[in-house]
């Protein structure tokens, strides 16, 4: 298997990652529902995409971030609606379940779904049937369910927050994605991959010094692979050396903890938040859910950092340093802290 697409994001030679990739190969060609478990930032979405890529299913992967959808919008997002179903429904909407026909429906952070909506989701999953809001008849869709969570759903069942029958329906095959603390030996490989990913195509590839790699292995990574990617991407953008040094990485780590870098106060914070916004198409509700903050908090960050609108990632990177960001996804960094 070649390292391409989302599969390339599941790099690592640790025993845990080799077991995970072996399980993905076995499970992907089946139609069994899969529950991907693991800490935030470990790469659960990458596993979902890898499962879909290797499934052979003719349709596409359709992702639904449960945390970004209040109950009032959940049914509309998944089941769709017909024209005139409610005020403002000037057109019909197919819904994510119909869009996933023949493909994969990825339900991210499913532990955040309310009990009331869990019942509706369970029926749709069991029957592969659903009724659009305002629709006269049921619709059918051949989707494969892949769900993900950082929560312990068994504990959720015991506490009455999650339905046992839904857990049994979505977890025919459980997959665990390890955090970085369980695969420290993979950090050098991941760091080099992210450095190459964040380097523009017309720039010379950056190396990472041995001292820098040792420094990375000594750090705590509560945000796991996502946090490591953010740190490396920011360091690549800000450095003016052909080799990333320990000091380059330490400067970025300190900045993310509230300090400053040679780029100036708040420069890294501004760049990293712009990158997250750019990655999500400037959909603030989705960005707030991804960062785990309220939309009001996100708006306060945007105002404090002087961010005016989309399409400024490259410009900001070029102002900070001649290197530019070629892809907002690759350059995403941790969210700024509240001041």
Protein backbone atom coordinates (compact mmCIF):
# COMPACT_ATOMS: atom_id res chain seq x y z
CA UNK A 1 0.00 0.00 0.00
CA UNK A 2 1.40 3.38 -0.94
CA UNK A 3 1.39 6.26 1.52
CA UNK A 4 -1.08 8.53 -0.19
CA UNK A 5 -4.10 10.54 0.72
CA UNK A 6 -5.26 10.28 4.31
CA UNK A 7 -3.33 7.06 4.78
CA UNK A 8 -0.12 9.14 4.73
CA UNK A 9 -1.29 10.86 7.90
CA UNK A 10 -1.19 7.58 9.83
CA UNK A 11 2.59 7.40 9.84
CA UNK A 12 4.47 5.57 12.57
CA UNK A 13 6.51 2.45 13.15
CA UNK A 14 5.45 1.93 16.76
CA UNK A 15 3.70 -1.32 17.60
CA UNK A 16 0.48 0.58 18.33
CA UNK A 17 0.38 2.20 14.89
CA UNK A 18 1.30 -0.99 13.07
CA UNK A 19 -1.57 -2.77 14.83
CA UNK A 20 -3.94 0.07 13.96
CA UNK A 21 -3.04 0.03 10.27
CA UNK A 22 -3.39 -3.76 10.17
CA UNK A 23 -6.89 -3.48 11.68
CA UNK A 24 -7.85 -0.77 9.19
CA UNK A 25 -6.84 -3.04 6.29
CA UNK A 26 -8.95 -5.89 7.68
CA UNK A 27 -12.04 -3.88 8.56
CA UNK A 28 -12.18 -1.41 5.66
CA UNK A 29 -13.55 -3.78 2.96
CA UNK A 30 -16.46 -4.84 5.19
CA UNK A 31 -19.71 -2.98 5.83
CA UNK A 32 -19.38 -3.30 9.61
CA UNK A 33 -19.96 -0.12 11.65
CA UNK A 34 -16.72 1.13 13.21
CA UNK A 35 -16.25 3.18 16.39
CA UNK A 36 -12.94 5.05 16.46
CA UNK A 37 -11.81 5.91 19.97
CA UNK A 38 -8.85 7.97 21.11
CA UNK A 39 -7.81 11.27 22.67
CA UNK A 40 -8.40 14.62 21.02
CA UNK A 41 -5.92 15.33 18.24
CA UNK A 42 -4.75 11.73 17.86
CA UNK A 43 -5.97 11.37 14.26
CA UNK A 44 -9.41 9.77 14.48
CA UNK A 45 -10.67 11.57 11.38
CA UNK A 46 -7.67 10.29 9.42
CA UNK A 47 -8.65 6.75 10.37
CA UNK A 48 -12.18 7.38 9.12
CA UNK A 49 -10.87 8.60 5.77
CA UNK A 50 -8.46 5.67 5.51
CA UNK A 51 -11.32 3.24 6.18
CA UNK A 52 -13.33 4.87 3.42
CA UNK A 53 -10.42 4.98 0.94
CA UNK A 54 -9.85 1.25 1.37
CA UNK A 55 -13.52 0.27 1.51
CA UNK A 56 -14.13 0.12 -2.22
CA UNK A 57 -17.47 1.85 -1.75
CA UNK A 58 -18.58 3.86 -4.77
CA UNK A 59 -19.85 6.87 -2.84
CA UNK A 60 -18.08 9.59 -0.89
CA UNK A 61 -17.31 10.08 2.79
CA UNK A 62 -19.69 12.61 4.34
CA UNK A 63 -18.60 13.98 7.72
CA UNK A 64 -20.88 15.33 10.44
CA UNK A 65 -19.40 17.08 13.48
CA UNK A 66 -21.97 16.33 16.16
CA UNK A 67 -20.63 19.02 18.51
CA UNK A 68 -21.22 21.70 15.87
CA UNK A 69 -24.94 20.88 15.58
CA UNK A 70 -27.54 21.81 18.21
CA UNK A 71 -30.58 19.53 18.38
CA UNK A 72 -32.64 22.03 16.41
CA UNK A 73 -30.35 21.58 13.41
CA UNK A 74 -29.37 17.93 13.78
CA UNK A 75 -32.40 16.44 12.04
CA UNK A 76 -32.23 18.93 9.19
CA UNK A 77 -28.51 18.32 8.70
CA UNK A 78 -28.81 14.52 8.62
CA UNK A 79 -32.28 13.94 7.14
CA UNK A 80 -32.73 17.08 5.04
CA UNK A 81 -36.00 18.88 4.39
CA UNK A 82 -38.47 19.54 1.60
CA UNK A 83 -39.28 22.94 0.19
CA UNK A 84 -41.66 24.85 2.43
CA UNK A 85 -41.10 22.56 5.43
CA UNK A 86 -40.45 25.55 7.64
CA UNK A 87 -39.99 29.30 7.41
CA UNK A 88 -37.01 30.02 5.19
CA UNK A 89 -36.98 26.60 3.52
CA UNK A 90 -37.12 27.98 -0.02
CA UNK A 91 -35.32 24.96 -1.45
CA UNK A 92 -35.14 21.32 -0.54
CA UNK A 93 -32.10 19.83 1.18
CA UNK A 94 -30.98 16.25 0.64
CA UNK A 95 -29.32 15.86 4.05
CA UNK A 96 -26.06 14.15 4.91
CA UNK A 97 -27.51 10.63 5.01
CA UNK A 98 -28.67 10.85 1.43
CA UNK A 99 -25.39 12.43 0.37
CA UNK A 100 -23.60 9.42 1.90
CA UNK A 101 -25.59 6.94 -0.23
CA UNK A 102 -23.14 4.31 -1.43
CA UNK A 103 -20.41 5.80 0.74
CA UNK A 104 -19.53 6.43 4.37
CA UNK A 105 -21.31 8.55 6.98
CA UNK A 106 -18.73 9.77 9.51
CA UNK A 107 -20.24 10.88 12.81
CA UNK A 108 -17.50 12.74 14.66
CA UNK A 109 -17.69 13.19 18.46
CA UNK A 110 -20.85 11.13 18.66
CA UNK A 111 -20.66 11.19 22.46
CA UNK A 112 -21.95 14.75 22.35
CA UNK A 113 -25.32 13.76 20.84
CA UNK A 114 -28.35 14.27 23.06
CA UNK A 115 -30.46 11.31 24.19
CA UNK A 116 -33.44 12.56 22.15
CA UNK A 117 -31.41 12.71 18.95
CA UNK A 118 -29.75 9.35 19.72
CA UNK A 119 -33.14 7.69 19.39
CA UNK A 120 -33.73 9.25 15.96
CA UNK A 121 -30.23 8.35 14.81
CA UNK A 122 -30.60 4.75 16.01
CA UNK A 123 -33.72 4.19 13.92
CA UNK A 124 -32.13 5.69 10.81
CA UNK A 125 -29.01 3.54 11.21
CA UNK A 126 -30.96 0.34 11.82
CA UNK A 127 -33.37 0.75 8.92
CA UNK A 128 -31.22 2.88 6.60
CA UNK A 129 -34.43 4.88 6.26
CA UNK A 130 -35.34 8.40 7.33
CA UNK A 131 -37.99 11.01 6.64
CA UNK A 132 -36.90 14.51 5.58
CA UNK A 133 -38.45 17.32 7.61
CA UNK A 134 -41.84 18.03 6.04
CA UNK A 135 -41.48 15.09 3.66
CA UNK A 136 -44.44 12.79 2.89
CA UNK A 137 -42.44 9.59 2.49
CA UNK A 138 -39.38 7.79 3.82
CA UNK A 139 -36.09 7.83 1.95
CA UNK A 140 -33.48 5.08 1.85
CA UNK A 141 -29.70 5.36 1.77
CA UNK A 142 -26.98 2.71 1.63
CA UNK A 143 -24.37 4.27 3.92
CA UNK A 144 -21.71 2.69 6.10
CA UNK A 145 -21.47 4.19 9.60
CA UNK A 146 -18.13 5.22 11.06
CA UNK A 147 -18.26 7.12 14.36
CA UNK A 148 -15.57 8.68 16.52
CA UNK A 149 -15.30 9.87 20.10
CA UNK A 150 -12.73 10.89 22.70
CA UNK A 151 -15.17 9.89 25.46
CA UNK A 152 -15.67 6.54 27.16
CA UNK A 153 -19.14 5.69 25.89
CA UNK A 154 -19.46 2.77 28.30
CA UNK A 155 -19.23 5.27 31.13
CA UNK A 156 -21.77 7.39 29.27
CA UNK A 157 -24.15 4.43 29.19
CA UNK A 158 -23.69 3.83 32.92
CA UNK A 159 -24.39 7.51 33.60
CA UNK A 160 -27.49 7.54 31.40
CA UNK A 161 -25.96 9.91 28.83
CA UNK A 162 -25.69 7.40 26.01
CA UNK A 163 -27.99 4.66 24.78
CA UNK A 164 -26.65 1.13 25.07
CA UNK A 165 -28.50 -0.01 21.93
CA UNK A 166 -26.93 2.81 19.89
CA UNK A 167 -23.47 1.97 21.22
CA UNK A 168 -23.95 -1.66 20.24
CA UNK A 169 -25.10 -0.59 16.79
CA UNK A 170 -22.16 1.70 16.00
CA UNK A 171 -19.37 -0.29 17.67
CA UNK A 172 -19.36 -3.58 15.81
CA UNK A 173 -15.62 -3.00 15.43
CA UNK A 174 -13.86 -0.69 17.93
CA UNK A 175 -10.57 0.87 16.85
CA UNK A 176 -8.26 2.71 19.24
CA UNK A 177 -6.01 5.52 18.04
CA UNK A 178 -3.13 5.99 20.50
CA UNK A 179 -2.07 9.39 21.80
CA UNK A 180 1.50 10.57 21.32
CA UNK A 181 2.39 9.47 24.84
CA UNK A 182 1.83 5.91 23.64
CA UNK A 183 4.00 6.30 20.53
CA UNK A 184 6.87 8.63 21.43
CA UNK A 185 9.19 6.76 19.06
CA UNK A 186 7.07 8.00 16.13
CA UNK A 187 7.61 11.71 16.89
CA UNK A 188 10.75 12.17 14.70
CA UNK A 189 9.03 10.57 11.69
CA UNK A 190 5.91 12.67 12.20
CA UNK A 191 7.90 15.87 12.73
CA UNK A 192 9.82 15.40 9.46
CA UNK A 193 6.57 14.63 7.63
CA UNK A 194 4.85 17.76 8.96
CA UNK A 195 7.89 19.92 8.18
CA UNK A 196 7.85 18.74 4.57
CA UNK A 197 4.09 19.23 4.43
CA UNK A 198 4.32 22.84 5.66
CA UNK A 199 7.20 23.81 3.36
CA UNK A 200 6.08 25.49 0.10
CA UNK A 201 6.77 23.50 -3.05
CA UNK A 202 9.21 26.11 -4.37
CA UNK A 203 11.27 26.20 -1.15
CA UNK A 204 14.17 23.98 -0.14
CA UNK A 205 13.09 21.22 2.26
CA UNK A 206 13.89 21.89 5.90
CA UNK A 207 15.79 19.47 8.08
CA UNK A 208 15.29 19.06 11.82
CA UNK A 209 18.33 18.85 14.07
CA UNK A 210 18.89 15.87 16.36
CA UNK A 211 18.70 18.17 19.38
CA UNK A 212 15.33 19.47 18.16
CA UNK A 213 13.99 15.94 17.75
CA UNK A 214 15.13 15.03 21.26
CA UNK A 215 13.40 18.16 22.55
CA UNK A 216 10.15 17.16 20.86
CA UNK A 217 10.30 13.68 22.38
CA UNK A 218 10.75 15.17 25.84
CA UNK A 219 7.65 17.38 25.65
CA UNK A 220 4.12 16.68 26.84
CA UNK A 221 1.57 16.65 24.00
CA UNK A 222 -1.96 16.96 25.40
CA UNK A 223 -3.14 17.87 21.88
CA UNK A 224 -1.35 14.84 20.46
CA UNK A 225 -0.52 14.63 16.73
CA UNK A 226 -2.58 17.70 15.88
CA UNK A 227 -0.62 19.79 18.39
CA UNK A 228 2.70 18.48 17.07
CA UNK A 229 1.63 19.35 13.53
CA UNK A 230 0.71 22.88 14.59
CA UNK A 231 4.04 23.45 16.34
CA UNK A 232 6.09 22.16 13.40
CA UNK A 233 4.07 24.18 10.86
CA UNK A 234 4.48 27.39 12.85
CA UNK A 235 8.22 26.77 13.29
CA UNK A 236 8.64 26.19 9.55
CA UNK A 237 6.89 29.45 8.75
CA UNK A 238 8.81 31.53 11.26
CA UNK A 239 12.35 30.17 10.93
CA UNK A 240 14.95 31.67 8.64
CA UNK A 241 17.35 28.73 8.94
CA UNK A 242 17.66 25.67 6.66
CA UNK A 243 17.58 23.45 9.75
CA UNK A 244 14.97 23.65 12.48
CA UNK A 245 16.80 23.94 15.77
CA UNK A 246 15.81 23.21 19.33
CA UNK A 247 15.55 26.97 19.92
CA UNK A 248 13.20 27.40 16.94
CA UNK A 249 10.81 24.82 18.38
CA UNK A 250 11.17 26.04 21.96
CA UNK A 251 10.30 29.57 20.81
CA UNK A 252 7.08 28.37 19.21
CA UNK A 253 6.18 26.23 22.22
CA UNK A 254 6.71 29.21 24.52
CA UNK A 255 4.58 31.40 22.25
CA UNK A 256 1.74 28.91 22.41
CA UNK A 257 2.03 29.04 26.20
CA UNK A 258 1.54 32.80 26.20
CA UNK A 259 5.00 34.16 25.41
CA UNK A 260 6.34 36.03 22.39
CA UNK A 261 8.52 35.19 19.39
CA UNK A 262 10.74 37.34 17.16
CA UNK A 263 7.69 37.76 14.93
CA UNK A 264 6.16 40.00 17.61
CA UNK A 265 3.45 39.76 20.29
CA UNK A 266 0.38 37.76 19.22
CA UNK A 267 1.85 37.07 15.75
CA UNK A 268 1.80 33.31 16.18
CA UNK A 269 -1.63 33.38 17.84
CA UNK A 270 -3.06 35.40 14.97
CA UNK A 271 -1.52 33.16 12.35
CA UNK A 272 -2.68 29.95 14.00
CA UNK A 273 -6.29 31.12 14.44
CA UNK A 274 -6.44 32.34 10.83
CA UNK A 275 -5.21 28.92 9.72
CA UNK A 276 -7.96 27.13 11.68
CA UNK A 277 -10.59 29.49 10.27
CA UNK A 278 -9.25 28.96 6.77
CA UNK A 279 -9.28 25.18 7.20
CA UNK A 280 -12.99 25.23 8.12
CA UNK A 281 -13.99 27.71 5.43
CA UNK A 282 -14.52 30.45 8.03
CA UNK A 283 -17.58 28.67 9.44
CA UNK A 284 -17.36 30.02 12.95
CA UNK A 285 -19.71 27.48 14.53
CA UNK A 286 -17.57 24.62 13.23
CA UNK A 287 -14.34 26.37 14.25
CA UNK A 288 -15.64 27.00 17.76
CA UNK A 289 -16.65 23.34 18.10
CA UNK A 290 -13.25 22.18 16.82
CA UNK A 291 -11.45 24.40 19.32
CA UNK A 292 -13.83 23.49 22.14
CA UNK A 293 -14.90 27.06 22.89
CA UNK A 294 -18.11 29.07 22.74
CA UNK A 295 -18.76 31.14 19.62
CA UNK A 296 -18.67 34.29 21.74
CA UNK A 297 -15.16 33.38 22.89
CA UNK A 298 -14.09 32.76 19.30
CA UNK A 299 -15.47 36.14 18.23
CA UNK A 300 -13.57 37.80 21.07
CA UNK A 301 -10.32 36.15 19.92
CA UNK A 302 -10.94 37.29 16.34
CA UNK A 303 -11.53 40.87 17.45
CA UNK A 304 -8.56 40.93 19.83
CA UNK A 305 -6.16 39.66 17.16
CA UNK A 306 -7.44 42.05 14.50
CA UNK A 307 -8.61 39.36 12.06
CA UNK A 308 -10.88 40.90 9.47
CA UNK A 309 -11.93 38.13 7.08
CA UNK A 310 -11.01 35.10 4.97
CA UNK A 311 -8.18 34.81 2.51
CA UNK A 312 -5.43 36.35 4.63
CA UNK A 313 -3.41 33.28 5.65
CA UNK A 314 -0.83 33.56 2.90
CA UNK A 315 -0.52 37.32 3.31
CA UNK A 316 0.10 37.04 7.03
CA UNK A 317 2.69 34.29 6.59
CA UNK A 318 4.52 36.31 3.96
CA UNK A 319 4.58 39.34 6.26
CA UNK A 320 6.04 37.28 9.10
CA UNK A 321 8.60 35.56 6.89
CA UNK A 322 9.32 34.97 3.18
CA UNK A 323 8.06 31.40 3.52
CA UNK A 324 4.35 31.15 2.73
CA UNK A 325 1.64 28.78 3.76
CA UNK A 326 0.59 26.62 0.85
CA UNK A 327 -2.39 25.08 2.60
CA UNK A 328 -4.34 26.36 5.59
CA UNK A 329 -4.92 22.76 6.77
CA UNK A 330 -1.19 22.12 7.03
CA UNK A 331 -0.51 25.28 8.98
CA UNK A 332 -3.14 25.04 11.67
CA UNK A 333 -1.87 25.76 15.17
CA UNK A 334 -3.40 25.57 18.62
CA UNK A 335 -6.04 28.10 19.56
CA UNK A 336 -4.96 31.34 21.21
CA UNK A 337 -5.36 31.60 24.93
CA UNK A 338 -7.73 33.98 26.63
CA UNK A 339 -5.95 37.11 27.74
